[in-house]
PDB file of N, CA and C in Angstrom:
ATOM      1  N   UNK A   1     134.831 110.660 121.653  1.00  0.00           N
ATOM      2  CA  UNK A   1     134.903 110.419 120.402  1.00  0.00           C
ATOM      3  C   UNK A   1     133.601 108.807 120.399  1.00  0.00           C
ATOM      4  N   UNK A   2     133.889 108.518 121.218  1.00  0.00           N
ATOM      5  CA  UNK A   2     132.826 106.889 121.485  1.00  0.00           C
ATOM      6  C   UNK A   2     131.422 107.287 121.683  1.00  0.00           C
ATOM      7  N   UNK A   3     131.534 108.274 122.760  1.00  0.00           N
ATOM      8  CA  UNK A   3     130.140 108.856 122.908  1.00  0.00           C
ATOM      9  C   UNK A   3     129.412 109.365 121.807  1.00  0.00           C
ATOM     10  N   UNK A   4     130.163 110.359 120.969  1.00  0.00           N
ATOM     11  CA  UNK A   4     129.553 110.992 119.675  1.00  0.00           C
ATOM     12  C   UNK A   4     129.106 109.808 118.938  1.00  0.00           C
ATOM     13  N   UNK A   5     129.543 108.883 118.549  1.00  0.00           N
ATOM     14  CA  UNK A   5     129.497 107.982 117.712  1.00  0.00           C
ATOM     15  C   UNK A   5     128.283 107.247 118.115  1.00  0.00           C
ATOM     16  N   UNK A   6     127.977 106.729 119.655  1.00  0.00           N
ATOM     17  CA  UNK A   6     126.997 106.052 120.097  1.00  0.00           C
ATOM     18  C   UNK A   6     125.572 106.936 119.765  1.00  0.00           C
ATOM     19  N   UNK A   7     125.576 108.287 120.163  1.00  0.00           N
ATOM     20  CA  UNK A   7     124.745 109.171 120.293  1.00  0.00           C
ATOM     21  C   UNK A   7     124.022 109.203 118.611  1.00  0.00           C
ATOM     22  N   UNK A   8     125.535 109.380 117.512  1.00  0.00           N
ATOM     23  CA  UNK A   8     124.680 109.423 116.382  1.00  0.00           C
ATOM     24  C   UNK A   8     123.937 108.253 116.081  1.00  0.00           C
ATOM     25  N   UNK A   9     124.688 107.050 116.528  1.00  0.00           N
ATOM     26  CA  UNK A   9     123.866 105.761 116.066  1.00  0.00           C
ATOM     27  C   UNK A   9     122.792 105.708 116.453  1.00  0.00           C
ATOM     28  N   UNK A  10     122.234 106.408 117.789  1.00  0.00           N
ATOM     29  CA  UNK A  10     120.935 106.446 118.273  1.00  0.00           C
ATOM     30  C   UNK A  10     120.247 107.169 117.726  1.00  0.00           C
ATOM     31  N   UNK A  11     120.477 108.199 117.088  1.00  0.00           N
ATOM     32  CA  UNK A  11     119.840 109.497 116.664  1.00  0.00           C
ATOM     33  C   UNK A  11     119.490 108.810 115.071  1.00  0.00           C
ATOM     34  N   UNK A  12     120.389 108.179 114.314  1.00  0.00           N
ATOM     35  CA  UNK A  12     120.309 107.457 112.812  1.00  0.00           C
ATOM     36  C   UNK A  12     119.167 106.575 113.200  1.00  0.00           C
ATOM     37  N   UNK A  13     119.315 105.732 114.340  1.00  0.00           N
ATOM     38  CA  UNK A  13     118.370 104.480 114.396  1.00  0.00           C
ATOM     39  C   UNK A  13     116.970 104.930 114.696  1.00  0.00           C
ATOM     40  N   UNK A  14     117.044 106.221 115.645  1.00  0.00           N
ATOM     41  CA  UNK A  14     115.352 106.779 115.534  1.00  0.00           C
ATOM     42  C   UNK A  14     115.166 107.387 114.625  1.00  0.00           C
ATOM     43  N   UNK A  15     115.572 108.120 113.270  1.00  0.00           N
ATOM     44  CA  UNK A  15     115.207 108.511 112.222  1.00  0.00           C
ATOM     45  C   UNK A  15     114.772 107.531 111.352  1.00  0.00           C
ATOM     46  N   UNK A  16     115.471 106.533 111.071  1.00  0.00           N
ATOM     47  CA  UNK A  16     115.195 105.484 110.421  1.00  0.00           C
ATOM     48  C   UNK A  16     113.862 105.032 110.730  1.00  0.00           C
ATOM     49  N   UNK A  17     113.603 104.566 112.197  1.00  0.00           N
ATOM     50  CA  UNK A  17     112.338 104.221 112.711  1.00  0.00           C
ATOM     51  C   UNK A  17     111.248 104.824 112.268  1.00  0.00           C
ATOM     52  N   UNK A  18     111.516 106.143 112.795  1.00  0.00           N
ATOM     53  CA  UNK A  18     110.401 107.375 112.221  1.00  0.00           C
ATOM     54  C   UNK A  18     109.869 107.329 110.664  1.00  0.00           C
ATOM     55  N   UNK A  19     111.128 107.239 110.080  1.00  0.00           N
ATOM     56  CA  UNK A  19     110.712 107.309 108.611  1.00  0.00           C
ATOM     57  C   UNK A  19     110.090 105.993 107.989  1.00  0.00           C
ATOM     58  N   UNK A  20     110.268 104.722 108.599  1.00  0.00           N
ATOM     59  CA  UNK A  20     109.591 103.698 108.334  1.00  0.00           C
ATOM     60  C   UNK A  20     108.079 103.726 108.922  1.00  0.00           C
ATOM     61  N   UNK A  21     108.080 103.995 109.977  1.00  0.00           N
ATOM     62  CA  UNK A  21     106.244 104.214 110.486  1.00  0.00           C
ATOM     63  C   UNK A  21     105.814 105.458 109.911  1.00  0.00           C
ATOM     64  N   UNK A  22     106.409 106.210 109.562  1.00  0.00           N
ATOM     65  CA  UNK A  22     105.456 107.360 108.535  1.00  0.00           C
ATOM     66  C   UNK A  22     105.130 106.838 107.430  1.00  0.00           C
ATOM     67  N   UNK A  23     105.905 105.625 106.766  1.00  0.00           N
ATOM     68  CA  UNK A  23     105.920 105.246 105.582  1.00  0.00           C
ATOM     69  C   UNK A  23     104.725 104.221 105.586  1.00  0.00           C
ATOM     70  N   UNK A  24     104.605 103.495 106.720  1.00  0.00           N
ATOM     71  CA  UNK A  24     103.622 102.446 107.241  1.00  0.00           C
ATOM     72  C   UNK A  24     102.479 103.054 107.328  1.00  0.00           C
ATOM     73  N   UNK A  25     102.418 104.372 107.955  1.00  0.00           N
ATOM     74  CA  UNK A  25     101.053 105.190 108.069  1.00  0.00           C
ATOM     75  C   UNK A  25     100.326 105.665 106.800  1.00  0.00           C
ATOM     76  N   UNK A  26     101.224 105.845 105.652  1.00  0.00           N
ATOM     77  CA  UNK A  26     100.833 106.936 104.671  1.00  0.00           C
ATOM     78  C   UNK A  26     100.467 106.007 103.424  1.00  0.00           C
ATOM     79  N   UNK A  27     100.851 104.149 103.779  1.00  0.00           N
ATOM     80  CA  UNK A  27     100.671 103.436 102.616  1.00  0.00           C
ATOM     81  C   UNK A  27      99.395 103.440 102.118  1.00  0.00           C
ATOM     82  N   UNK A  28      98.521 103.552 103.061  1.00  0.00           N
ATOM     83  CA  UNK A  28      96.849 103.369 102.660  1.00  0.00           C
ATOM     84  C   UNK A  28      96.313 104.895 102.926  1.00  0.00           C
ATOM     85  N   UNK A  29      96.537 105.745 102.196  1.00  0.00           N
ATOM     86  CA  UNK A  29      96.005 107.007 102.334  1.00  0.00           C
ATOM     87  C   UNK A  29      94.627 107.135 101.871  1.00  0.00           C
ATOM     88  N   UNK A  30      94.034 106.024 101.285  1.00  0.00           N
ATOM     89  CA  UNK A  30      92.538 106.368 100.777  1.00  0.00           C
ATOM     90  C   UNK A  30      91.838 105.155 101.216  1.00  0.00           C
ATOM     91  N   UNK A  31      92.208 104.679 102.300  1.00  0.00           N
ATOM     92  CA  UNK A  31      91.718 103.461 102.753  1.00  0.00           C
ATOM     93  C   UNK A  31      89.915 103.421 102.772  1.00  0.00           C
ATOM     94  N   UNK A  32      89.464 104.352 103.528  1.00  0.00           N
ATOM     95  CA  UNK A  32      88.104 104.593 103.663  1.00  0.00           C
ATOM     96  C   UNK A  32      87.661 105.322 102.350  1.00  0.00           C
ATOM     97  N   UNK A  33      88.025 105.511 101.109  1.00  0.00           N
ATOM     98  CA  UNK A  33      87.565 106.290 100.251  1.00  0.00           C
ATOM     99  C   UNK A  33      86.452 105.400  99.281  1.00  0.00           C
ATOM    100  N   UNK A  34      85.248 106.022  99.061  1.00  0.00           N
ATOM    101  CA  UNK A  34      84.522 105.639  98.331  1.00  0.00           C
ATOM    102  C   UNK A  34      84.896 105.075  96.755  1.00  0.00           C
ATOM    103  N   UNK A  35      85.712 105.449  96.307  1.00  0.00           N
ATOM    104  CA  UNK A  35      86.504 105.557  94.943  1.00  0.00           C
ATOM    105  C   UNK A  35      87.566 104.132  94.936  1.00  0.00           C
ATOM    106  N   UNK A  36      87.784 103.534  95.981  1.00  0.00           N
ATOM    107  CA  UNK A  36      88.467 102.136  96.040  1.00  0.00           C
ATOM    108  C   UNK A  36      87.724 101.071  95.853  1.00  0.00           C
ATOM    109  N   UNK A  37      88.374 100.413  94.590  1.00  0.00           N
ATOM    110  CA  UNK A  37      87.804  99.302  94.198  1.00  0.00           C
ATOM    111  C   UNK A  37      87.642  99.392  92.346  1.00  0.00           C
ATOM    112  N   UNK A  38      86.962  98.381  91.915  1.00  0.00           N
ATOM    113  CA  UNK A  38      87.219  98.148  90.546  1.00  0.00           C
ATOM    114  C   UNK A  38      85.913  98.759  89.761  1.00  0.00           C
ATOM    115  N   UNK A  39      86.402  99.566  88.809  1.00  0.00           N
ATOM    116  CA  UNK A  39      85.418 100.559  88.186  1.00  0.00           C
ATOM    117  C   UNK A  39      85.228  99.962  86.457  1.00  0.00           C
ATOM    118  N   UNK A  40      84.013 100.047  86.242  1.00  0.00           N
ATOM    119  CA  UNK A  40      84.055  99.570  84.477  1.00  0.00           C
ATOM    120  C   UNK A  40      83.188 100.274  83.902  1.00  0.00           C
ATOM    121  N   UNK A  41      83.683 100.707  82.749  1.00  0.00           N
ATOM    122  CA  UNK A  41      82.680 101.632  81.616  1.00  0.00           C
ATOM    123  C   UNK A  41      81.777 100.608  81.477  1.00  0.00           C
ATOM    124  N   UNK A  42      80.435 101.466  81.019  1.00  0.00           N
ATOM    125  CA  UNK A  42      79.288 100.615  81.030  1.00  0.00           C
ATOM    126  C   UNK A  42      78.628 101.565  79.695  1.00  0.00           C
ATOM    127  N   UNK A  43      78.509 102.476  79.702  1.00  0.00           N
ATOM    128  CA  UNK A  43      78.069 103.476  78.547  1.00  0.00           C
ATOM    129  C   UNK A  43      78.784 104.482  78.086  1.00  0.00           C
ATOM    130  N   UNK A  44      78.753 104.932  77.143  1.00  0.00           N
ATOM    131  CA  UNK A  44      79.394 106.083  76.354  1.00  0.00           C
ATOM    132  C   UNK A  44      78.268 106.992  75.551  1.00  0.00           C
ATOM    133  N   UNK A  45      79.048 108.279  75.231  1.00  0.00           N
ATOM    134  CA  UNK A  45      78.268 108.891  74.129  1.00  0.00           C
ATOM    135  C   UNK A  45      79.377 109.982  73.476  1.00  0.00           C
ATOM    136  N   UNK A  46      79.043 110.206  71.986  1.00  0.00           N
ATOM    137  CA  UNK A  46      79.855 111.135  71.448  1.00  0.00           C
ATOM    138  C   UNK A  46      78.404 111.897  70.701  1.00  0.00           C
ATOM    139  N   UNK A  47      79.124 113.091  70.673  1.00  0.00           N
ATOM    140  CA  UNK A  47      77.882 113.939  69.933  1.00  0.00           C
ATOM    141  C   UNK A  47      76.511 113.993  70.238  1.00  0.00           C
ATOM    142  N   UNK A  48      76.239 113.200  71.562  1.00  0.00           N
ATOM    143  CA  UNK A  48      74.877 113.062  71.905  1.00  0.00           C
ATOM    144  C   UNK A  48      74.139 111.507  71.318  1.00  0.00           C
ATOM    145  N   UNK A  49      75.134 111.043  70.785  1.00  0.00           N
ATOM    146  CA  UNK A  49      74.974 109.763  70.191  1.00  0.00           C
ATOM    147  C   UNK A  49      75.469 108.714  71.400  1.00  0.00           C
ATOM    148  N   UNK A  50      74.712 107.338  71.714  1.00  0.00           N
ATOM    149  CA  UNK A  50      75.172 106.522  72.687  1.00  0.00           C
ATOM    150  C   UNK A  50      76.221 105.550  71.678  1.00  0.00           C
ATOM    151  N   UNK A  51      76.994 105.058  72.555  1.00  0.00           N
ATOM    152  CA  UNK A  51      77.778 104.260  71.770  1.00  0.00           C
ATOM    153  C   UNK A  51      78.420 103.192  72.850  1.00  0.00           C
ATOM    154  N   UNK A  52      78.780 102.160  71.820  1.00  0.00           N
ATOM    155  CA  UNK A  52      79.370 100.869  72.868  1.00  0.00           C
ATOM    156  C   UNK A  52      80.605 101.217  72.876  1.00  0.00           C
ATOM    157  N   UNK A  53      81.290 101.301  74.400  1.00  0.00           N
ATOM    158  CA  UNK A  53      82.434 101.476  74.682  1.00  0.00           C
ATOM    159  C   UNK A  53      83.721 100.487  74.435  1.00  0.00           C
ATOM    160  N   UNK A  54      82.885  99.004  74.519  1.00  0.00           N
ATOM    161  CA  UNK A  54      83.957  97.914  74.537  1.00  0.00           C
ATOM    162  C   UNK A  54      84.036  97.690  72.795  1.00  0.00           C
ATOM    163  N   UNK A  55      83.150  98.155  71.956  1.00  0.00           N
ATOM    164  CA  UNK A  55      83.683  98.049  70.552  1.00  0.00           C
ATOM    165  C   UNK A  55      84.395  99.388  70.094  1.00  0.00           C
ATOM    166  N   UNK A  56      84.214 100.622  70.835  1.00  0.00           N
ATOM    167  CA  UNK A  56      85.001 101.437  70.531  1.00  0.00           C
ATOM    168  C   UNK A  56      86.473 101.399  71.050  1.00  0.00           C
ATOM    169  N   UNK A  57      86.843 101.015  72.232  1.00  0.00           N
ATOM    170  CA  UNK A  57      88.380 100.653  72.474  1.00  0.00           C
ATOM    171  C   UNK A  57      88.723  99.313  72.397  1.00  0.00           C
ATOM    172  N   UNK A  58      87.997  98.325  71.997  1.00  0.00           N
ATOM    173  CA  UNK A  58      88.431  96.847  71.301  1.00  0.00           C
ATOM    174  C   UNK A  58      88.302  95.897  72.463  1.00  0.00           C
ATOM    175  N   UNK A  59      87.536  96.173  73.443  1.00  0.00           N
ATOM    176  CA  UNK A  59      87.514  95.423  74.671  1.00  0.00           C
ATOM    177  C   UNK A  59      86.948  96.091  75.932  1.00  0.00           C
ATOM    178  N   UNK A  60      87.533  95.500  77.300  1.00  0.00           N
ATOM    179  CA  UNK A  60      86.855  96.094  78.470  1.00  0.00           C
ATOM    180  C   UNK A  60      87.677  97.387  78.661  1.00  0.00           C
ATOM    181  N   UNK A  61      87.067  98.310  79.321  1.00  0.00           N
ATOM    182  CA  UNK A  61      87.833  99.205  80.024  1.00  0.00           C
ATOM    183  C   UNK A  61      87.325  99.083  81.623  1.00  0.00           C
ATOM    184  N   UNK A  62      88.411  99.026  82.076  1.00  0.00           N
ATOM    185  CA  UNK A  62      88.328  98.972  83.608  1.00  0.00           C
ATOM    186  C   UNK A  62      89.262  99.805  84.491  1.00  0.00           C
ATOM    187  N   UNK A  63      89.027 100.117  85.846  1.00  0.00           N
ATOM    188  CA  UNK A  63      90.124 100.908  86.463  1.00  0.00           C
ATOM    189  C   UNK A  63      90.221 100.153  87.770  1.00  0.00           C
ATOM    190  N   UNK A  64      91.122  99.755  88.519  1.00  0.00           N
ATOM    191  CA  UNK A  64      91.394  99.272  89.810  1.00  0.00           C
ATOM    192  C   UNK A  64      91.903 100.625  90.608  1.00  0.00           C
ATOM    193  N   UNK A  65      91.394 100.894  91.483  1.00  0.00           N
ATOM    194  CA  UNK A  65      91.815 102.079  92.411  1.00  0.00           C
ATOM    195  C   UNK A  65      92.386 101.275  93.556  1.00  0.00           C
ATOM    196  N   UNK A  66      93.579 101.481  94.101  1.00  0.00           N
ATOM    197  CA  UNK A  66      94.084 100.666  95.331  1.00  0.00           C
ATOM    198  C   UNK A  66      94.094 101.825  96.549  1.00  0.00           C
ATOM    199  N   UNK A  67      93.859 101.281  97.911  1.00  0.00           N
ATOM    200  CA  UNK A  67      93.886 102.247  98.771  1.00  0.00           C
ATOM    201  C   UNK A  67      95.332 103.019  99.190  1.00  0.00           C
ATOM    202  N   UNK A  68      96.340 102.602  98.638  1.00  0.00           N
ATOM    203  CA  UNK A  68      97.568 103.225  98.598  1.00  0.00           C
ATOM    204  C   UNK A  68      97.865 104.456  97.371  1.00  0.00           C
ATOM    205  N   UNK A  69      96.720 104.663  96.299  1.00  0.00           N
ATOM    206  CA  UNK A  69      97.060 105.409  95.606  1.00  0.00           C
ATOM    207  C   UNK A  69      97.664 105.044  94.349  1.00  0.00           C
ATOM    208  N   UNK A  70      97.660 103.762  94.559  1.00  0.00           N
ATOM    209  CA  UNK A  70      98.072 103.156  92.925  1.00  0.00           C
ATOM    210  C   UNK A  70      96.970 102.880  92.316  1.00  0.00           C
ATOM    211  N   UNK A  71      96.950 102.911  90.726  1.00  0.00           N
ATOM    212  CA  UNK A  71      95.962 102.498  89.696  1.00  0.00           C
ATOM    213  C   UNK A  71      96.209 101.564  89.070  1.00  0.00           C
ATOM    214  N   UNK A  72      95.500 100.518  88.363  1.00  0.00           N
ATOM    215  CA  UNK A  72      95.707 100.071  87.282  1.00  0.00           C
ATOM    216  C   UNK A  72      94.674 100.029  86.214  1.00  0.00           C
ATOM    217  N   UNK A  73      94.866 100.234  85.028  1.00  0.00           N
ATOM    218  CA  UNK A  73      93.785 100.384  83.831  1.00  0.00           C
ATOM    219  C   UNK A  73      94.041  99.337  82.881  1.00  0.00           C
ATOM    220  N   UNK A  74      92.619  98.719  82.525  1.00  0.00           N
ATOM    221  CA  UNK A  74      92.781  98.036  81.072  1.00  0.00           C
ATOM    222  C   UNK A  74      91.986  98.770  80.077  1.00  0.00           C
ATOM    223  N   UNK A  75      92.409  98.960  79.328  1.00  0.00           N
ATOM    224  CA  UNK A  75      91.663  99.420  77.818  1.00  0.00           C
ATOM    225  C   UNK A  75      91.739  98.784  76.956  1.00  0.00           C
ATOM    226  N   UNK A  76      91.016  97.964  76.430  1.00  0.00           N
ATOM    227  CA  UNK A  76      91.067  97.262  75.150  1.00  0.00           C
ATOM    228  C   UNK A  76      91.957  96.093  75.873  1.00  0.00           C
ATOM    229  N   UNK A  77      93.082  96.170  74.656  1.00  0.00           N
ATOM    230  CA  UNK A  77      94.230  94.857  75.036  1.00  0.00           C
ATOM    231  C   UNK A  77      95.672  95.707  75.467  1.00  0.00           C
ATOM    232  N   UNK A  78      95.119  96.986  76.088  1.00  0.00           N
ATOM    233  CA  UNK A  78      96.196  97.825  76.565  1.00  0.00           C
ATOM    234  C   UNK A  78      96.168  97.643  78.065  1.00  0.00           C
ATOM    235  N   UNK A  79      97.289  97.596  78.736  1.00  0.00           N
ATOM    236  CA  UNK A  79      97.031  97.570  80.191  1.00  0.00           C
ATOM    237  C   UNK A  79      98.086  98.685  80.716  1.00  0.00           C
ATOM    238  N   UNK A  80      98.176  99.344  81.819  1.00  0.00           N
ATOM    239  CA  UNK A  80      98.659 100.332  82.406  1.00  0.00           C
ATOM    240  C   UNK A  80      98.716 100.489  83.973  1.00  0.00           C
ATOM    241  N   UNK A  81      99.561 101.296  84.382  1.00  0.00           N
ATOM    242  CA  UNK A  81      99.749 101.505  86.060  1.00  0.00           C
ATOM    243  C   UNK A  81      99.671 103.078  85.909  1.00  0.00           C
ATOM    244  N   UNK A  82      99.451 103.542  86.947  1.00  0.00           N
ATOM    245  CA  UNK A  82      99.470 105.010  87.164  1.00  0.00           C
ATOM    246  C   UNK A  82      99.339 104.952  89.083  1.00  0.00           C
ATOM    247  N   UNK A  83      98.829 106.505  89.229  1.00  0.00           N
ATOM    248  CA  UNK A  83      98.524 106.663  90.284  1.00  0.00           C
ATOM    249  C   UNK A  83      97.104 107.616  90.119  1.00  0.00           C
ATOM    250  N   UNK A  84      96.477 107.385  91.671  1.00  0.00           N
ATOM    251  CA  UNK A  84      95.415 108.402  91.576  1.00  0.00           C
ATOM    252  C   UNK A  84      94.980 109.009  92.777  1.00  0.00           C
ATOM    253  N   UNK A  85      94.436 110.032  92.580  1.00  0.00           N
ATOM    254  CA  UNK A  85      93.859 110.875  94.029  1.00  0.00           C
ATOM    255  C   UNK A  85      92.849 111.490  94.027  1.00  0.00           C
ATOM    256  N   UNK A  86      92.099 111.528  95.054  1.00  0.00           N
ATOM    257  CA  UNK A  86      90.962 111.790  95.309  1.00  0.00           C
ATOM    258  C   UNK A  86      90.703 113.400  95.257  1.00  0.00           C
ATOM    259  N   UNK A  87      89.615 113.825  94.704  1.00  0.00           N
ATOM    260  CA  UNK A  87      89.333 115.257  94.496  1.00  0.00           C
ATOM    261  C   UNK A  87      88.195 115.711  94.997  1.00  0.00           C
ATOM    262  N   UNK A  88      87.641 116.895  95.075  1.00  0.00           N
ATOM    263  CA  UNK A  88      86.765 117.447  95.615  1.00  0.00           C
ATOM    264  C   UNK A  88      85.503 117.217  94.971  1.00  0.00           C
ATOM    265  N   UNK A  89      85.486 116.831  93.805  1.00  0.00           N
ATOM    266  CA  UNK A  89      84.360 116.174  92.745  1.00  0.00           C
ATOM    267  C   UNK A  89      84.359 115.048  92.208  1.00  0.00           C
ATOM    268  N   UNK A  90      85.407 114.201  92.431  1.00  0.00           N
ATOM    269  CA  UNK A  90      85.512 112.945  92.124  1.00  0.00           C
ATOM    270  C   UNK A  90      87.209 112.253  92.664  1.00  0.00           C
ATOM    271  N   UNK A  91      87.513 112.029  91.438  1.00  0.00           N
ATOM    272  CA  UNK A  91      88.992 111.535  91.680  1.00  0.00           C
ATOM    273  C   UNK A  91      89.950 112.011  90.127  1.00  0.00           C
ATOM    274  N   UNK A  92      91.355 112.065  90.064  1.00  0.00           N
ATOM    275  CA  UNK A  92      91.885 111.874  89.103  1.00  0.00           C
ATOM    276  C   UNK A  92      92.868 110.961  88.610  1.00  0.00           C
ATOM    277  N   UNK A  93      93.107 110.524  87.765  1.00  0.00           N
ATOM    278  CA  UNK A  93      94.278 109.211  87.356  1.00  0.00           C
ATOM    279  C   UNK A  93      95.216 110.002  86.712  1.00  0.00           C
ATOM    280  N   UNK A  94      96.475 109.641  86.790  1.00  0.00           N
ATOM    281  CA  UNK A  94      97.639 109.864  86.242  1.00  0.00           C
ATOM    282  C   UNK A  94      98.670 108.814  86.122  1.00  0.00           C
ATOM    283  N   UNK A  95      98.809 108.974  85.053  1.00  0.00           N
ATOM    284  CA  UNK A  95     100.561 108.082  84.476  1.00  0.00           C
ATOM    285  C   UNK A  95     101.430 109.102  84.083  1.00  0.00           C
ATOM    286  N   UNK A  96     102.456 108.623  83.405  1.00  0.00           N
ATOM    287  CA  UNK A  96     103.905 109.000  83.220  1.00  0.00           C
ATOM    288  C   UNK A  96     103.367 110.267  81.966  1.00  0.00           C
ATOM    289  N   UNK A  97     102.572 109.963  81.372  1.00  0.00           N
ATOM    290  CA  UNK A  97     102.355 111.159  80.048  1.00  0.00           C
ATOM    291  C   UNK A  97     100.793 111.872  80.246  1.00  0.00           C
ATOM    292  N   UNK A  98     100.144 111.446  81.071  1.00  0.00           N
ATOM    293  CA  UNK A  98      98.436 112.108  80.982  1.00  0.00           C
ATOM    294  C   UNK A  98      97.506 112.019  82.475  1.00  0.00           C
ATOM    295  N   UNK A  99      96.725 112.826  82.337  1.00  0.00           N
ATOM    296  CA  UNK A  99      95.681 112.536  83.499  1.00  0.00           C
ATOM    297  C   UNK A  99      94.580 112.895  83.052  1.00  0.00           C
ATOM    298  N   UNK A 100      93.410 112.010  83.582  1.00  0.00           N
ATOM    299  CA  UNK A 100      92.143 112.030  83.167  1.00  0.00           C
ATOM    300  C   UNK A 100      91.534 112.186  84.588  1.00  0.00           C
ATOM    301  N   UNK A 101      90.430 113.128  84.256  1.00  0.00           N
ATOM    302  CA  UNK A 101      89.553 113.791  85.782  1.00  0.00           C
ATOM    303  C   UNK A 101      88.290 112.924  85.474  1.00  0.00           C
ATOM    304  N   UNK A 102      87.900 112.294  86.768  1.00  0.00           N
ATOM    305  CA  UNK A 102      86.553 111.776  86.592  1.00  0.00           C
ATOM    306  C   UNK A 102      85.430 112.659  87.876  1.00  0.00           C
ATOM    307  N   UNK A 103      84.417 112.816  87.644  1.00  0.00           N
ATOM    308  CA  UNK A 103      83.430 113.194  88.107  1.00  0.00           C
ATOM    309  C   UNK A 103      82.498 112.347  88.500  1.00  0.00           C
ATOM    310  N   UNK A 104      82.232 112.372  90.173  1.00  0.00           N
ATOM    311  CA  UNK A 104      80.864 111.908  90.416  1.00  0.00           C
ATOM    312  C   UNK A 104      79.467 111.797  90.180  1.00  0.00           C
ATOM    313  N   UNK A 105      78.838 111.043  89.623  1.00  0.00           N
ATOM    314  CA  UNK A 105      77.488 111.304  88.920  1.00  0.00           C
ATOM    315  C   UNK A 105      76.494 111.373  90.341  1.00  0.00           C
ATOM    316  N   UNK A 106      76.883 109.983  91.034  1.00  0.00           N
ATOM    317  CA  UNK A 106      76.104 109.492  92.243  1.00  0.00           C
ATOM    318  C   UNK A 106      76.697 108.552  92.725  1.00  0.00           C
ATOM    319  N   UNK A 107      76.469 108.037  93.854  1.00  0.00           N
ATOM    320  CA  UNK A 107      77.196 107.078  94.462  1.00  0.00           C
ATOM    321  C   UNK A 107      77.427 105.886  93.572  1.00  0.00           C
ATOM    322  N   UNK A 108      78.711 105.104  93.322  1.00  0.00           N
ATOM    323  CA  UNK A 108      78.733 104.270  92.655  1.00  0.00           C
ATOM    324  C   UNK A 108      78.979 104.689  91.104  1.00  0.00           C
ATOM    325  N   UNK A 109      78.905 105.832  90.531  1.00  0.00           N
ATOM    326  CA  UNK A 109      78.554 106.216  89.410  1.00  0.00           C
ATOM    327  C   UNK A 109      79.630 107.465  89.074  1.00  0.00           C
ATOM    328  N   UNK A 110      80.570 107.532  87.987  1.00  0.00           N
ATOM    329  CA  UNK A 110      81.436 108.470  87.729  1.00  0.00           C
ATOM    330  C   UNK A 110      81.575 108.599  86.220  1.00  0.00           C
ATOM    331  N   UNK A 111      82.128 109.650  85.737  1.00  0.00           N
ATOM    332  CA  UNK A 111      81.925 110.079  84.409  1.00  0.00           C
ATOM    333  C   UNK A 111      83.437 110.674  83.806  1.00  0.00           C
ATOM    334  N   UNK A 112      83.829 110.440  82.774  1.00  0.00           N
ATOM    335  CA  UNK A 112      84.868 111.345  82.387  1.00  0.00           C
ATOM    336  C   UNK A 112      84.988 111.415  80.630  1.00  0.00           C
ATOM    337  N   UNK A 113      85.716 112.166  80.448  1.00  0.00           N
ATOM    338  CA  UNK A 113      86.158 112.437  78.855  1.00  0.00           C
ATOM    339  C   UNK A 113      87.128 111.794  78.436  1.00  0.00           C
ATOM    340  N   UNK A 114      86.883 110.927  77.208  1.00  0.00           N
ATOM    341  CA  UNK A 114      88.110 110.069  76.663  1.00  0.00           C
ATOM    342  C   UNK A 114      87.803 109.732  75.503  1.00  0.00           C
ATOM    343  N   UNK A 115      89.085 110.464  74.497  1.00  0.00           N
ATOM    344  CA  UNK A 115      89.206 110.503  73.185  1.00  0.00           C
ATOM    345  C   UNK A 115      87.720 111.123  72.514  1.00  0.00           C
ATOM    346  N   UNK A 116      87.298 111.948  73.087  1.00  0.00           N
ATOM    347  CA  UNK A 116      86.099 112.600  72.462  1.00  0.00           C
ATOM    348  C   UNK A 116      84.907 112.312  72.658  1.00  0.00           C
ATOM    349  N   UNK A 117      84.657 111.068  73.590  1.00  0.00           N
ATOM    350  CA  UNK A 117      83.460 110.381  74.009  1.00  0.00           C
ATOM    351  C   UNK A 117      83.357 110.909  75.794  1.00  0.00           C
ATOM    352  N   UNK A 118      82.052 110.636  76.032  1.00  0.00           N
ATOM    353  CA  UNK A 118      82.154 110.762  77.413  1.00  0.00           C
ATOM    354  C   UNK A 118      81.534 109.493  78.228  1.00  0.00           C
ATOM    355  N   UNK A 119      82.314 108.822  79.142  1.00  0.00           N
ATOM    356  CA  UNK A 119      81.951 107.385  79.443  1.00  0.00           C
ATOM    357  C   UNK A 119      81.971 107.609  80.869  1.00  0.00           C
ATOM    358  N   UNK A 120      80.558 106.336  81.180  1.00  0.00           N
ATOM    359  CA  UNK A 120      80.196 106.299  82.408  1.00  0.00           C
ATOM    360  C   UNK A 120      80.804 105.022  82.988  1.00  0.00           C
ATOM    361  N   UNK A 121      81.357 104.956  84.087  1.00  0.00           N
ATOM    362  CA  UNK A 121      82.073 103.821  84.740  1.00  0.00           C
ATOM    363  C   UNK A 121      80.830 103.640  86.244  1.00  0.00           C
ATOM    364  N   UNK A 122      80.871 102.566  86.195  1.00  0.00           N
ATOM    365  CA  UNK A 122      80.149 102.324  87.767  1.00  0.00           C
ATOM    366  C   UNK A 122      81.147 101.242  88.298  1.00  0.00           C
ATOM    367  N   UNK A 123      81.161 101.461  89.507  1.00  0.00           N
ATOM    368  CA  UNK A 123      81.877 100.395  90.644  1.00  0.00           C
ATOM    369  C   UNK A 123      81.177  99.083  90.577  1.00  0.00           C
ATOM    370  N   UNK A 124      82.226  97.899  90.698  1.00  0.00           N
ATOM    371  CA  UNK A 124      81.509  96.517  90.552  1.00  0.00           C
ATOM    372  C   UNK A 124      81.360  96.059  91.753  1.00  0.00           C
ATOM    373  N   UNK A 125      80.330  95.456  91.663  1.00  0.00           N
ATOM    374  CA  UNK A 125      79.878  94.774  93.240  1.00  0.00           C
ATOM    375  C   UNK A 125      81.050  93.772  93.696  1.00  0.00           C
ATOM    376  N   UNK A 126      80.997  93.839  94.756  1.00  0.00           N
ATOM    377  CA  UNK A 126      82.110  93.195  95.742  1.00  0.00           C
ATOM    378  C   UNK A 126      83.322  93.899  95.867  1.00  0.00           C
ATOM    379  N   UNK A 127      83.395  95.208  95.058  1.00  0.00           N
ATOM    380  CA  UNK A 127      84.312  96.079  95.613  1.00  0.00           C
ATOM    381  C   UNK A 127      84.401  96.972  96.580  1.00  0.00           C
ATOM    382  N   UNK A 128      85.494  97.215  97.153  1.00  0.00           N
ATOM    383  CA  UNK A 128      85.241  98.074  98.330  1.00  0.00           C
ATOM    384  C   UNK A 128      84.702  99.198  97.954  1.00  0.00           C
TER     385      UNK A 128
END
């Protein structure tokens, strides 16, 4: 009976260690992604007319995409958290209630549709 307990303890310890190692390896799944960093809304359009995004949303509209898949957003006076994932055409941002798709326009620029507007985001200098 003692041998079984020792073996079981060793197996459980090995499984726990493996889980810990796998969690550490997967924590920065987007470490080398071109999308990691801070993105700021720069221009917007609605029905072909240029609009001032900061006036429409009541302040800045920024996103911070982290290497581990976490995301932070500031839209006017509202702050939120969610997750992001890379796609073949850009990335998508998800929270508990919604999903936004961002399409790469060129290096350092993505666009999305938000509340009837098409908004262009640019990656901020100094961001990875």
